All heavy atoms as atom14 arrays in JSON, in Angstrom:
{
  "sequence": "QPYKVDAEALAAWAAAAANANATLWVLRHNAASERPLRAAAARAGLR",
  "atom14_mask": [
    [1, 1, 1, 1, 1, 1, 1, 1, 1, 0, 0, 0, 0, 0],
    [1, 1, 1, 1, 1, 1, 1, 0, 0, 0, 0, 0, 0, 0],
    [1, 1, 1, 1, 1, 1, 1, 1, 1, 1, 1, 1, 0, 0],
    [1, 1, 1, 1, 1, 1, 1, 1, 1, 0, 0, 0, 0, 0],
    [1, 1, 1, 1, 1, 1, 1, 0, 0, 0, 0, 0, 0, 0],
    [1, 1, 1, 1, 1, 1, 1, 1, 0, 0, 0, 0, 0, 0],
    [1, 1, 1, 1, 1, 0, 0, 0, 0, 0, 0, 0, 0, 0],
    [1, 1, 1, 1, 1, 1, 1, 1, 1, 0, 0, 0, 0, 0],
    [1, 1, 1, 1, 1, 0, 0, 0, 0, 0, 0, 0, 0, 0],
    [1, 1, 1, 1, 1, 1, 1, 1, 0, 0, 0, 0, 0, 0],
    [1, 1, 1, 1, 1, 0, 0, 0, 0, 0, 0, 0, 0, 0],
    [1, 1, 1, 1, 1, 0, 0, 0, 0, 0, 0, 0, 0, 0],
    [1, 1, 1, 1, 1, 1, 1, 1, 1, 1, 1, 1, 1, 1],
    [1, 1, 1, 1, 1, 0, 0, 0, 0, 0, 0, 0, 0, 0],
    [1, 1, 1, 1, 1, 0, 0, 0, 0, 0, 0, 0, 0, 0],
    [1, 1, 1, 1, 1, 0, 0, 0, 0, 0, 0, 0, 0, 0],
    [1, 1, 1, 1, 1, 0, 0, 0, 0, 0, 0, 0, 0, 0],
    [1, 1, 1, 1, 1, 0, 0, 0, 0, 0, 0, 0, 0, 0],
    [1, 1, 1, 1, 1, 1, 1, 1, 0, 0, 0, 0, 0, 0],
    [1, 1, 1, 1, 1, 0, 0, 0, 0, 0, 0, 0, 0, 0],
    [1, 1, 1, 1, 1, 1, 1, 1, 0, 0, 0, 0, 0, 0],
    [1, 1, 1, 1, 1, 0, 0, 0, 0, 0, 0, 0, 0, 0],
    [1, 1, 1, 1, 1, 1, 1, 0, 0, 0, 0, 0, 0, 0],
    [1, 1, 1, 1, 1, 1, 1, 1, 0, 0, 0, 0, 0, 0],
    [1, 1, 1, 1, 1, 1, 1, 1, 1, 1, 1, 1, 1, 1],
    [1, 1, 1, 1, 1, 1, 1, 0, 0, 0, 0, 0, 0, 0],
    [1, 1, 1, 1, 1, 1, 1, 1, 0, 0, 0, 0, 0, 0],
    [1, 1, 1, 1, 1, 1, 1, 1, 1, 1, 1, 0, 0, 0],
    [1, 1, 1, 1, 1, 1, 1, 1, 1, 1, 0, 0, 0, 0],
    [1, 1, 1, 1, 1, 1, 1, 1, 0, 0, 0, 0, 0, 0],
    [1, 1, 1, 1, 1, 0, 0, 0, 0, 0, 0, 0, 0, 0],
    [1, 1, 1, 1, 1, 0, 0, 0, 0, 0, 0, 0, 0, 0],
    [1, 1, 1, 1, 1, 1, 0, 0, 0, 0, 0, 0, 0, 0],
    [1, 1, 1, 1, 1, 1, 1, 1, 1, 0, 0, 0, 0, 0],
    [1, 1, 1, 1, 1, 1, 1, 1, 1, 1, 1, 0, 0, 0],
    [1, 1, 1, 1, 1, 1, 1, 0, 0, 0, 0, 0, 0, 0],
    [1, 1, 1, 1, 1, 1, 1, 1, 0, 0, 0, 0, 0, 0],
    [1, 1, 1, 1, 1, 1, 1, 1, 1, 1, 1, 0, 0, 0],
    [1, 1, 1, 1, 1, 0, 0, 0, 0, 0, 0, 0, 0, 0],
    [1, 1, 1, 1, 1, 0, 0, 0, 0, 0, 0, 0, 0, 0],
    [1, 1, 1, 1, 1, 0, 0, 0, 0, 0, 0, 0, 0, 0],
    [1, 1, 1, 1, 1, 0, 0, 0, 0, 0, 0, 0, 0, 0],
    [1, 1, 1, 1, 1, 1, 1, 1, 1, 1, 1, 0, 0, 0],
    [1, 1, 1, 1, 1, 0, 0, 0, 0, 0, 0, 0, 0, 0],
    [1, 1, 1, 1, 0, 0, 0, 0, 0, 0, 0, 0, 0, 0],
    [1, 1, 1, 1, 1, 1, 1, 1, 0, 0, 0, 0, 0, 0],
    [1, 1, 1, 1, 1, 1, 1, 1, 1, 1, 1, 0, 0, 0]
  ],
  "atom14_positions": [
    [[-73.58, -14.92, 13.3], [-73.32, -14.2, 14.55], [-73.85, -15.02, 15.73], [-74.9, -15.67, 15.63], [-74.02, -12.84, 14.53], [-73.45, -11.86, 13.55], [-72.37, -10.99, 14.19], [-71.93, -11.22, 15.31], [-71.92, -9.97, 13.46], [0.0, 0.0, 0.0], [0.0, 0.0, 0.0], [0.0, 0.0, 0.0], [0.0, 0.0, 0.0], [0.0, 0.0, 0.0]],
    [[-73.16, -15.01, 16.87], [-73.59, -15.84, 18.0], [-74.98, -15.52, 18.53], [-75.64, -16.39, 19.09], [-72.5, -15.6, 19.06], [-71.77, -14.37, 18.63], [-71.88, -14.32, 17.14], [0.0, 0.0, 0.0], [0.0, 0.0, 0.0], [0.0, 0.0, 0.0], [0.0, 0.0, 0.0], [0.0, 0.0, 0.0], [0.0, 0.0, 0.0], [0.0, 0.0, 0.0]],
    [[-75.45, -14.27, 18.39], [-76.78, -13.96, 18.9], [-77.87, -14.71, 18.14], [-79.01, -14.82, 18.6], [-77.05, -12.45, 18.86], [-77.27, -11.86, 17.49], [-78.53, -11.9, 16.88], [-76.23, -11.24, 16.81], [-78.73, -11.35, 15.62], [-76.43, -10.69, 15.55], [-77.67, -10.75, 14.96], [-77.87, -10.21, 13.71], [0.0, 0.0, 0.0], [0.0, 0.0, 0.0]],
    [[-77.56, -15.25, 16.96], [-78.53, -16.02, 16.2], [-78.59, -17.49, 16.62], [-79.49, -18.22, 16.21], [-78.2, -15.96, 14.71], [-78.36, -14.6, 14.06], [-78.14, -14.7, 12.57], [-78.38, -13.39, 11.86], [-78.24, -13.52, 10.38], [0.0, 0.0, 0.0], [0.0, 0.0, 0.0], [0.0, 0.0, 0.0], [0.0, 0.0, 0.0], [0.0, 0.0, 0.0]],
    [[-77.62, -17.93, 17.41], [-77.52, -19.35, 17.77], [-78.35, -19.6, 19.02], [-77.98, -19.2, 20.12], [-76.05, -19.76, 18.0], [-75.97, -21.24, 18.38], [-75.21, -19.48, 16.76], [0.0, 0.0, 0.0], [0.0, 0.0, 0.0], [0.0, 0.0, 0.0], [0.0, 0.0, 0.0], [0.0, 0.0, 0.0], [0.0, 0.0, 0.0], [0.0, 0.0, 0.0]],
    [[-79.48, -20.28, 18.87], [-80.3, -20.6, 20.03], [-79.9, -21.96, 20.59], [-79.22, -22.76, 19.93], [-81.78, -20.59, 19.66], [-82.14, -21.69, 18.68], [-81.78, -21.56, 17.48], [-82.77, -22.67, 19.08], [0.0, 0.0, 0.0], [0.0, 0.0, 0.0], [0.0, 0.0, 0.0], [0.0, 0.0, 0.0], [0.0, 0.0, 0.0], [0.0, 0.0, 0.0]],
    [[-80.3, -22.22, 21.83], [-79.87, -23.43, 22.53], [-80.31, -24.7, 21.82], [-79.55, -25.69, 21.76], [-80.41, -23.4, 23.96], [0.0, 0.0, 0.0], [0.0, 0.0, 0.0], [0.0, 0.0, 0.0], [0.0, 0.0, 0.0], [0.0, 0.0, 0.0], [0.0, 0.0, 0.0], [0.0, 0.0, 0.0], [0.0, 0.0, 0.0], [0.0, 0.0, 0.0]],
    [[-81.5, -24.7, 21.27], [-82.01, -25.91, 20.61], [-81.2, -26.26, 19.37], [-80.86, -27.42, 19.13], [-83.48, -25.71, 20.24], [-84.14, -26.95, 19.67], [-85.62, -26.75, 19.41], [-86.17, -25.7, 19.83], [-86.24, -27.64, 18.78], [0.0, 0.0, 0.0], [0.0, 0.0, 0.0], [0.0, 0.0, 0.0], [0.0, 0.0, 0.0], [0.0, 0.0, 0.0]],
    [[-80.86, -25.24, 18.58], [-80.06, -25.49, 17.38], [-78.67, -25.98, 17.75], [-78.16, -26.94, 17.17], [-79.97, -24.21, 16.55], [0.0, 0.0, 0.0], [0.0, 0.0, 0.0], [0.0, 0.0, 0.0], [0.0, 0.0, 0.0], [0.0, 0.0, 0.0], [0.0, 0.0, 0.0], [0.0, 0.0, 0.0], [0.0, 0.0, 0.0], [0.0, 0.0, 0.0]],
    [[-78.05, -25.33, 18.74], [-76.71, -25.74, 19.15], [-76.71, -27.17, 19.67], [-75.79, -27.95, 19.4], [-76.16, -24.78, 20.21], [-74.73, -25.07, 20.68], [-73.74, -25.0, 19.52], [-74.33, -24.11, 21.78], [0.0, 0.0, 0.0], [0.0, 0.0, 0.0], [0.0, 0.0, 0.0], [0.0, 0.0, 0.0], [0.0, 0.0, 0.0], [0.0, 0.0, 0.0]],
    [[-77.74, -27.53, 20.42], [-77.84, -28.89, 20.94], [-77.92, -29.9, 19.79], [-77.29, -30.97, 19.83], [-79.04, -29.03, 21.85], [0.0, 0.0, 0.0], [0.0, 0.0, 0.0], [0.0, 0.0, 0.0], [0.0, 0.0, 0.0], [0.0, 0.0, 0.0], [0.0, 0.0, 0.0], [0.0, 0.0, 0.0], [0.0, 0.0, 0.0], [0.0, 0.0, 0.0]],
    [[-78.7, -29.58, 18.76], [-78.83, -30.48, 17.62], [-77.5, -30.61, 16.88], [-77.1, -31.72, 16.49], [-79.92, -29.97, 16.67], [0.0, 0.0, 0.0], [0.0, 0.0, 0.0], [0.0, 0.0, 0.0], [0.0, 0.0, 0.0], [0.0, 0.0, 0.0], [0.0, 0.0, 0.0], [0.0, 0.0, 0.0], [0.0, 0.0, 0.0], [0.0, 0.0, 0.0]],
    [[-76.8, -29.49, 16.68], [-75.52, -29.54, 16.0], [-74.5, -30.35, 16.79], [-73.76, -31.17, 16.23], [-74.97, -28.14, 15.77], [-75.85, -27.24, 14.98], [-76.86, -27.59, 14.12], [-75.82, -25.81, 14.99], [-77.46, -26.47, 13.6], [-76.84, -25.37, 14.1], [-75.05, -24.86, 15.65], [-77.09, -24.03, 13.86], [-75.29, -23.51, 15.41], [-76.3, -23.1, 14.53]],
    [[-74.43, -30.11, 18.09], [-73.47, -30.81, 18.93], [-73.76, -32.31, 18.96], [-72.84, -33.13, 18.92], [-73.48, -30.24, 20.35], [0.0, 0.0, 0.0], [0.0, 0.0, 0.0], [0.0, 0.0, 0.0], [0.0, 0.0, 0.0], [0.0, 0.0, 0.0], [0.0, 0.0, 0.0], [0.0, 0.0, 0.0], [0.0, 0.0, 0.0], [0.0, 0.0, 0.0]],
    [[-75.05, -32.66, 19.04], [-75.41, -34.08, 19.04], [-75.03, -34.74, 17.72], [-74.51, -35.87, 17.69], [-76.9, -34.24, 19.31], [0.0, 0.0, 0.0], [0.0, 0.0, 0.0], [0.0, 0.0, 0.0], [0.0, 0.0, 0.0], [0.0, 0.0, 0.0], [0.0, 0.0, 0.0], [0.0, 0.0, 0.0], [0.0, 0.0, 0.0], [0.0, 0.0, 0.0]],
    [[-75.26, -34.05, 16.61], [-74.89, -34.58, 15.31], [-73.38, -34.76, 15.2], [-72.89, -35.79, 14.7], [-75.4, -33.66, 14.2], [0.0, 0.0, 0.0], [0.0, 0.0, 0.0], [0.0, 0.0, 0.0], [0.0, 0.0, 0.0], [0.0, 0.0, 0.0], [0.0, 0.0, 0.0], [0.0, 0.0, 0.0], [0.0, 0.0, 0.0], [0.0, 0.0, 0.0]],
    [[-72.64, -33.77, 15.68], [-71.17, -33.88, 15.64], [-70.68, -35.01, 16.52], [-69.78, -35.76, 16.13], [-70.55, -32.55, 16.09], [0.0, 0.0, 0.0], [0.0, 0.0, 0.0], [0.0, 0.0, 0.0], [0.0, 0.0, 0.0], [0.0, 0.0, 0.0], [0.0, 0.0, 0.0], [0.0, 0.0, 0.0], [0.0, 0.0, 0.0], [0.0, 0.0, 0.0]],
    [[-71.28, -35.16, 17.7], [-70.86, -36.22, 18.61], [-71.16, -37.6, 18.03], [-70.34, -38.52, 18.11], [-71.55, -36.05, 19.96], [0.0, 0.0, 0.0], [0.0, 0.0, 0.0], [0.0, 0.0, 0.0], [0.0, 0.0, 0.0], [0.0, 0.0, 0.0], [0.0, 0.0, 0.0], [0.0, 0.0, 0.0], [0.0, 0.0, 0.0], [0.0, 0.0, 0.0]],
    [[-72.32, -37.75, 17.42], [-72.73, -39.06, 16.91], [-72.0, -39.45, 15.63], [-71.86, -40.64, 15.34], [-74.24, -39.08, 16.66], [-75.04, -38.99, 17.95], [-74.57, -39.4, 19.01], [-76.25, -38.45, 17.87], [0.0, 0.0, 0.0], [0.0, 0.0, 0.0], [0.0, 0.0, 0.0], [0.0, 0.0, 0.0], [0.0, 0.0, 0.0], [0.0, 0.0, 0.0]],
    [[-71.55, -38.47, 14.87], [-70.93, -38.75, 13.58], [-69.44, -38.44, 13.56], [-68.82, -38.5, 12.49], [-71.63, -37.95, 12.49], [0.0, 0.0, 0.0], [0.0, 0.0, 0.0], [0.0, 0.0, 0.0], [0.0, 0.0, 0.0], [0.0, 0.0, 0.0], [0.0, 0.0, 0.0], [0.0, 0.0, 0.0], [0.0, 0.0, 0.0], [0.0, 0.0, 0.0]],
    [[-68.86, -38.14, 14.73], [-67.44, -37.76, 14.8], [-67.11, -36.6, 13.87], [-66.0, -36.52, 13.33], [-66.54, -38.96, 14.48], [-66.54, -39.98, 15.6], [-66.6, -39.62, 16.78], [-66.51, -41.26, 15.26], [0.0, 0.0, 0.0], [0.0, 0.0, 0.0], [0.0, 0.0, 0.0], [0.0, 0.0, 0.0], [0.0, 0.0, 0.0], [0.0, 0.0, 0.0]],
    [[-68.07, -35.74, 13.66], [-67.84, -34.58, 12.81], [-67.2, -33.46, 13.61], [-67.15, -33.48, 14.84], [-69.16, -34.11, 12.21], [0.0, 0.0, 0.0], [0.0, 0.0, 0.0], [0.0, 0.0, 0.0], [0.0, 0.0, 0.0], [0.0, 0.0, 0.0], [0.0, 0.0, 0.0], [0.0, 0.0, 0.0], [0.0, 0.0, 0.0], [0.0, 0.0, 0.0]],
    [[-66.7, -32.47, 12.89], [-66.11, -31.28, 13.52], [-67.04, -30.1, 13.29], [-67.54, -29.9, 12.18], [-64.72, -30.99, 12.91], [-63.82, -32.04, 13.27], [-64.18, -29.66, 13.42], [0.0, 0.0, 0.0], [0.0, 0.0, 0.0], [0.0, 0.0, 0.0], [0.0, 0.0, 0.0], [0.0, 0.0, 0.0], [0.0, 0.0, 0.0], [0.0, 0.0, 0.0]],
    [[-67.27, -29.32, 14.34], [-68.02, -28.07, 14.24], [-67.03, -26.92, 14.15], [-66.22, -26.7, 15.06], [-68.92, -27.89, 15.47], [-70.29, -28.55, 15.47], [-70.97, -28.31, 16.82], [-71.15, -28.02, 14.35], [0.0, 0.0, 0.0], [0.0, 0.0, 0.0], [0.0, 0.0, 0.0], [0.0, 0.0, 0.0], [0.0, 0.0, 0.0], [0.0, 0.0, 0.0]],
    [[-67.11, -26.17, 13.06], [-66.23, -25.02, 12.84], [-67.06, -23.76, 13.0], [-68.0, -23.53, 12.26], [-65.61, -25.13, 11.45], [-64.87, -23.92, 10.98], [-64.33, -22.92, 11.74], [-64.58, -23.59, 9.62], [-63.72, -21.98, 10.95], [-63.85, -22.37, 9.64], [-64.84, -24.2, 8.4], [-63.41, -21.75, 8.47], [-64.41, -23.59, 7.23], [-63.69, -22.38, 7.27]],
    [[-66.7, -22.94, 13.98], [-67.45, -21.73, 14.32], [-66.56, -20.51, 14.14], [-65.41, -20.49, 14.62], [-67.96, -21.79, 15.78], [-68.8, -20.56, 16.11], [-68.76, -23.08, 16.02], [0.0, 0.0, 0.0], [0.0, 0.0, 0.0], [0.0, 0.0, 0.0], [0.0, 0.0, 0.0], [0.0, 0.0, 0.0], [0.0, 0.0, 0.0], [0.0, 0.0, 0.0]],
    [[-67.07, -19.5, 13.46], [-66.33, -18.24, 13.37], [-66.47, -17.48, 14.69], [-67.56, -17.35, 15.24], [-66.85, -17.38, 12.22], [-66.46, -17.8, 10.8], [-66.93, -16.76, 9.81], [-64.96, -18.03, 10.66], [0.0, 0.0, 0.0], [0.0, 0.0, 0.0], [0.0, 0.0, 0.0], [0.0, 0.0, 0.0], [0.0, 0.0, 0.0], [0.0, 0.0, 0.0]],
    [[-65.34, -16.97, 15.18], [-65.31, -16.24, 16.44], [-65.62, -14.77, 16.17], [-64.72, -13.97, 15.91], [-63.95, -16.41, 17.13], [-63.89, -15.78, 18.53], [-62.5, -15.87, 19.12], [-62.1, -17.23, 19.44], [-61.14, -17.91, 18.8], [-60.49, -17.35, 17.79], [-60.83, -19.14, 19.16], [0.0, 0.0, 0.0], [0.0, 0.0, 0.0], [0.0, 0.0, 0.0]],
    [[-66.9, -14.41, 16.26], [-67.29, -13.02, 16.03], [-66.91, -12.13, 17.21], [-66.67, -10.94, 17.05], [-68.79, -12.94, 15.79], [-69.21, -13.5, 14.46], [-69.26, -12.74, 13.31], [-69.58, -14.75, 14.09], [-69.66, -13.49, 12.3], [-69.86, -14.71, 12.75], [0.0, 0.0, 0.0], [0.0, 0.0, 0.0], [0.0, 0.0, 0.0], [0.0, 0.0, 0.0]],
    [[-66.88, -12.71, 18.42], [-66.39, -11.98, 19.59], [-65.88, -12.98, 20.61], [-66.33, -14.14, 20.67], [-67.48, -11.08, 20.17], [-68.69, -11.87, 20.64], [-68.63, -12.56, 21.66], [-69.79, -11.77, 19.91], [0.0, 0.0, 0.0], [0.0, 0.0, 0.0], [0.0, 0.0, 0.0], [0.0, 0.0, 0.0], [0.0, 0.0, 0.0], [0.0, 0.0, 0.0]],
    [[-64.94, -12.55, 21.42], [-64.28, -13.45, 22.36], [-65.22, -13.94, 23.45], [-65.07, -15.05, 23.96], [-63.07, -12.75, 22.99], [0.0, 0.0, 0.0], [0.0, 0.0, 0.0], [0.0, 0.0, 0.0], [0.0, 0.0, 0.0], [0.0, 0.0, 0.0], [0.0, 0.0, 0.0], [0.0, 0.0, 0.0], [0.0, 0.0, 0.0], [0.0, 0.0, 0.0]],
    [[-66.22, -13.14, 23.8], [-67.1, -13.49, 24.92], [-68.04, -14.64, 24.59], [-68.58, -15.28, 25.49], [-67.92, -12.28, 25.33], [0.0, 0.0, 0.0], [0.0, 0.0, 0.0], [0.0, 0.0, 0.0], [0.0, 0.0, 0.0], [0.0, 0.0, 0.0], [0.0, 0.0, 0.0], [0.0, 0.0, 0.0], [0.0, 0.0, 0.0], [0.0, 0.0, 0.0]],
    [[-68.24, -14.94, 23.32], [-69.24, -15.95, 22.95], [-68.7, -17.38, 23.02], [-69.47, -18.33, 23.11], [-69.75, -15.69, 21.53], [-68.7, -15.81, 20.59], [0.0, 0.0, 0.0], [0.0, 0.0, 0.0], [0.0, 0.0, 0.0], [0.0, 0.0, 0.0], [0.0, 0.0, 0.0], [0.0, 0.0, 0.0], [0.0, 0.0, 0.0], [0.0, 0.0, 0.0]],
    [[-67.37, -17.55, 23.0], [-66.83, -18.9, 22.88], [-67.12, -19.75, 24.12], [-67.56, -20.91, 24.0], [-65.32, -18.86, 22.62], [-64.72, -20.25, 22.48], [-63.27, -20.22, 22.02], [-62.79, -19.15, 21.58], [-62.62, -21.27, 22.11], [0.0, 0.0, 0.0], [0.0, 0.0, 0.0], [0.0, 0.0, 0.0], [0.0, 0.0, 0.0], [0.0, 0.0, 0.0]],
    [[-66.93, -19.2, 25.3], [-67.11, -20.01, 26.51], [-68.54, -20.52, 26.66], [-68.73, -21.72, 26.89], [-66.69, -19.21, 27.75], [-66.87, -20.0, 29.05], [-66.37, -19.22, 30.25], [-64.92, -19.06, 30.22], [-64.22, -18.43, 31.16], [-64.86, -17.9, 32.21], [-62.92, -18.33, 31.07], [0.0, 0.0, 0.0], [0.0, 0.0, 0.0], [0.0, 0.0, 0.0]],
    [[-69.58, -19.67, 26.56], [-70.94, -20.22, 26.7], [-71.31, -21.2, 25.59], [-72.05, -22.16, 25.83], [-71.84, -18.98, 26.67], [-71.0, -17.9, 26.09], [-69.6, -18.2, 26.46], [0.0, 0.0, 0.0], [0.0, 0.0, 0.0], [0.0, 0.0, 0.0], [0.0, 0.0, 0.0], [0.0, 0.0, 0.0], [0.0, 0.0, 0.0], [0.0, 0.0, 0.0]],
    [[-70.8, -20.99, 24.37], [-71.1, -21.94, 23.3], [-70.43, -23.28, 23.56], [-71.03, -24.35, 23.32], [-70.66, -21.37, 21.96], [-71.5, -20.22, 21.4], [-70.9, -19.67, 20.12], [-72.93, -20.67, 21.15], [0.0, 0.0, 0.0], [0.0, 0.0, 0.0], [0.0, 0.0, 0.0], [0.0, 0.0, 0.0], [0.0, 0.0, 0.0], [0.0, 0.0, 0.0]],
    [[-69.21, -23.26, 24.08], [-68.54, -24.52, 24.43], [-69.29, -25.25, 25.55], [-69.45, -26.47, 25.52], [-67.1, -24.26, 24.84], [-66.15, -24.02, 23.69], [-64.7, -24.13, 24.11], [-63.81, -23.93, 22.99], [-63.49, -24.88, 22.12], [-63.99, -26.1, 22.26], [-62.68, -24.63, 21.11], [0.0, 0.0, 0.0], [0.0, 0.0, 0.0], [0.0, 0.0, 0.0]],
    [[-69.73, -24.5, 26.54], [-70.45, -25.12, 27.66], [-71.76, -25.73, 27.18], [-72.12, -26.85, 27.58], [-70.71, -24.07, 28.74], [0.0, 0.0, 0.0], [0.0, 0.0, 0.0], [0.0, 0.0, 0.0], [0.0, 0.0, 0.0], [0.0, 0.0, 0.0], [0.0, 0.0, 0.0], [0.0, 0.0, 0.0], [0.0, 0.0, 0.0], [0.0, 0.0, 0.0]],
    [[-72.48, -25.04, 26.31], [-73.73, -25.58, 25.8], [-73.49, -26.81, 24.93], [-74.26, -27.78, 24.99], [-74.46, -24.5, 24.99], [0.0, 0.0, 0.0], [0.0, 0.0, 0.0], [0.0, 0.0, 0.0], [0.0, 0.0, 0.0], [0.0, 0.0, 0.0], [0.0, 0.0, 0.0], [0.0, 0.0, 0.0], [0.0, 0.0, 0.0], [0.0, 0.0, 0.0]],
    [[-72.42, -26.79, 24.14], [-72.09, -27.95, 23.32], [-71.73, -29.15, 24.18], [-72.08, -30.29, 23.86], [-70.95, -27.62, 22.37], [0.0, 0.0, 0.0], [0.0, 0.0, 0.0], [0.0, 0.0, 0.0], [0.0, 0.0, 0.0], [0.0, 0.0, 0.0], [0.0, 0.0, 0.0], [0.0, 0.0, 0.0], [0.0, 0.0, 0.0], [0.0, 0.0, 0.0]],
    [[-71.05, -28.92, 25.29], [-70.71, -30.01, 26.2], [-71.96, -30.62, 26.81], [-72.09, -31.85, 26.92], [-69.77, -29.51, 27.3], [0.0, 0.0, 0.0], [0.0, 0.0, 0.0], [0.0, 0.0, 0.0], [0.0, 0.0, 0.0], [0.0, 0.0, 0.0], [0.0, 0.0, 0.0], [0.0, 0.0, 0.0], [0.0, 0.0, 0.0], [0.0, 0.0, 0.0]],
    [[-72.91, -29.78, 27.18], [-74.17, -30.3, 27.73], [-74.94, -31.11, 26.7], [-75.69, -32.02, 27.05], [-75.04, -29.14, 28.23], [-74.5, -28.43, 29.47], [-75.54, -27.51, 30.08], [-75.91, -26.41, 29.2], [-75.28, -25.23, 29.17], [-74.25, -25.0, 29.97], [-75.69, -24.28, 28.35], [0.0, 0.0, 0.0], [0.0, 0.0, 0.0], [0.0, 0.0, 0.0]],
    [[-74.73, -30.79, 25.42], [-75.46, -31.48, 24.36], [-74.74, -32.73, 23.86], [-75.27, -33.42, 22.99], [-75.69, -30.53, 23.19], [0.0, 0.0, 0.0], [0.0, 0.0, 0.0], [0.0, 0.0, 0.0], [0.0, 0.0, 0.0], [0.0, 0.0, 0.0], [0.0, 0.0, 0.0], [0.0, 0.0, 0.0], [0.0, 0.0, 0.0], [0.0, 0.0, 0.0]],
    [[-73.55, -33.03, 24.4], [-72.9, -34.28, 24.01], [-71.44, -34.19, 23.64], [-70.77, -35.21, 23.56], [0.0, 0.0, 0.0], [0.0, 0.0, 0.0], [0.0, 0.0, 0.0], [0.0, 0.0, 0.0], [0.0, 0.0, 0.0], [0.0, 0.0, 0.0], [0.0, 0.0, 0.0], [0.0, 0.0, 0.0], [0.0, 0.0, 0.0], [0.0, 0.0, 0.0]],
    [[-70.93, -32.97, 23.37], [-69.51, -32.84, 23.04], [-68.72, -32.7, 24.34], [-68.26, -31.62, 24.71], [-69.27, -31.65, 22.12], [-69.62, -31.84, 20.65], [-69.33, -30.57, 19.86], [-68.85, -33.01, 20.04], [0.0, 0.0, 0.0], [0.0, 0.0, 0.0], [0.0, 0.0, 0.0], [0.0, 0.0, 0.0], [0.0, 0.0, 0.0], [0.0, 0.0, 0.0]],
    [[-68.54, -33.81, 25.04], [-67.88, -33.81, 26.34], [-66.49, -34.41, 26.22], [-66.26, -35.3, 25.42], [-68.7, -34.59, 27.36], [-70.12, -34.08, 27.57], [-70.84, -34.87, 28.64], [-72.24, -34.44, 28.76], [-73.23, -34.98, 28.08], [-72.99, -35.98, 27.24], [-74.47, -34.54, 28.23], [0.0, 0.0, 0.0], [0.0, 0.0, 0.0], [0.0, 0.0, 0.0]]
  ]
}
């Protein structure tokens, strides 16, 4: 669930995906969570 995803964990995942050309697959538990998670991932390196 998105409420369990803290900024530090998301930053680590995004950095790992960016550095290794990996794909992050996220289940959409609610529509409102996608935009802030995308923005946080972009700040962490998925730009």
